[in-house]
Amino acid sequence: MLYIACTNKNVYKYSLDSSTEKPLKALNAHKNLITSMSLDRDESILLVGTSDGLIYLWSTETDECLG
């Protein structure tokens, strides 16, 4: 998977195996600009930091915001 943060406050999830250029999912719970992203060791959680100092946790399996 490839995750791309955009200036519209969304993270887009892409499959590297797909022939389409469209994202699989938009992760869009962020209220401020995204400043950083990282995956945990087993790549099951995507951590997204925003300009207000908040960190969002996303499940990479279900694409749900965990907090």
Protein backbone atom coordinates (compact mmCIF):
# COMPACT_ATOMS: atom_id res chain seq x y z
CA MET A 1 0.00 0.00 0.00
CA LEU A 2 0.96 3.59 -0.57
CA TYR A 3 -0.40 6.43 1.59
CA ILE A 4 -0.27 10.02 0.31
CA ALA A 5 -1.12 13.09 2.41
CA CYS A 6 -2.65 16.02 0.55
CA THR A 7 -3.22 19.68 1.35
CA ASN A 8 -6.99 19.06 1.49
CA LYS A 9 -6.42 17.35 4.90
CA ASN A 10 -7.01 13.85 3.49
CA VAL A 11 -4.77 10.81 3.27
CA TYR A 12 -5.30 8.69 0.18
CA LYS A 13 -4.65 4.95 0.15
CA TYR A 14 -3.42 3.39 -3.09
CA SER A 15 -2.66 -0.18 -4.05
CA LEU A 16 0.67 -0.67 -5.78
CA ASP A 17 -0.72 -3.82 -7.42
CA SER A 18 -3.68 -2.06 -9.02
CA SER A 19 -3.83 -0.95 -12.63
CA THR A 20 -6.08 1.98 -11.73
CA GLU A 21 -4.76 5.40 -10.73
CA LYS A 22 -7.70 6.06 -8.40
CA PRO A 23 -7.24 5.76 -4.63
CA LEU A 24 -8.81 2.82 -2.84
CA LYS A 25 -9.89 4.99 0.06
CA ALA A 26 -9.73 8.54 1.41
CA LEU A 27 -9.00 8.80 5.13
CA ASN A 28 -10.65 12.09 5.99
CA ALA A 29 -11.16 12.69 9.72
CA HIS A 30 -8.39 15.30 9.96
CA LYS A 31 -9.40 18.85 10.84
CA ASN A 32 -6.00 20.48 10.22
CA LEU A 33 -3.11 20.12 7.78
CA ILE A 34 -1.21 16.85 7.89
CA THR A 35 2.41 17.30 8.94
CA SER A 36 3.65 13.70 9.32
CA MET A 37 2.78 10.06 8.75
CA SER A 38 4.30 6.78 9.87
CA LEU A 39 3.40 3.10 9.98
CA ASP A 40 3.92 0.97 13.07
CA ARG A 41 6.29 -2.03 12.89
CA ASP A 42 3.76 -4.54 11.57
CA GLU A 43 2.12 -1.92 9.33
CA SER A 44 -1.30 -2.44 10.93
CA ILE A 45 -1.60 1.15 12.21
CA LEU A 46 -1.02 4.36 10.26
CA LEU A 47 -0.17 7.31 12.53
CA VAL A 48 -1.00 10.75 11.12
CA GLY A 49 0.14 13.97 12.80
CA THR A 50 -1.59 17.28 12.12
CA SER A 51 -0.61 20.93 12.52
CA ASP A 52 -2.63 21.28 15.74
CA GLY A 53 -0.48 18.65 17.45
CA LEU A 54 -3.02 15.83 17.30
CA ILE A 55 -2.11 12.29 16.24
CA TYR A 56 -4.69 10.14 14.48
CA LEU A 57 -4.43 6.35 14.47
CA TRP A 58 -5.84 4.50 11.47
CA SER A 59 -6.29 0.76 11.04
CA THR A 60 -4.68 -0.19 7.73
CA GLU A 61 -6.92 -3.27 7.51
CA THR A 62 -10.31 -1.63 8.09
CA ASP A 63 -9.43 2.02 7.25
CA GLU A 64 -11.19 3.10 10.47
CA CYS A 65 -9.95 5.99 12.57
CA LEU A 66 -9.09 4.46 15.96
CA GLY A 67 -8.46 7.72 17.74
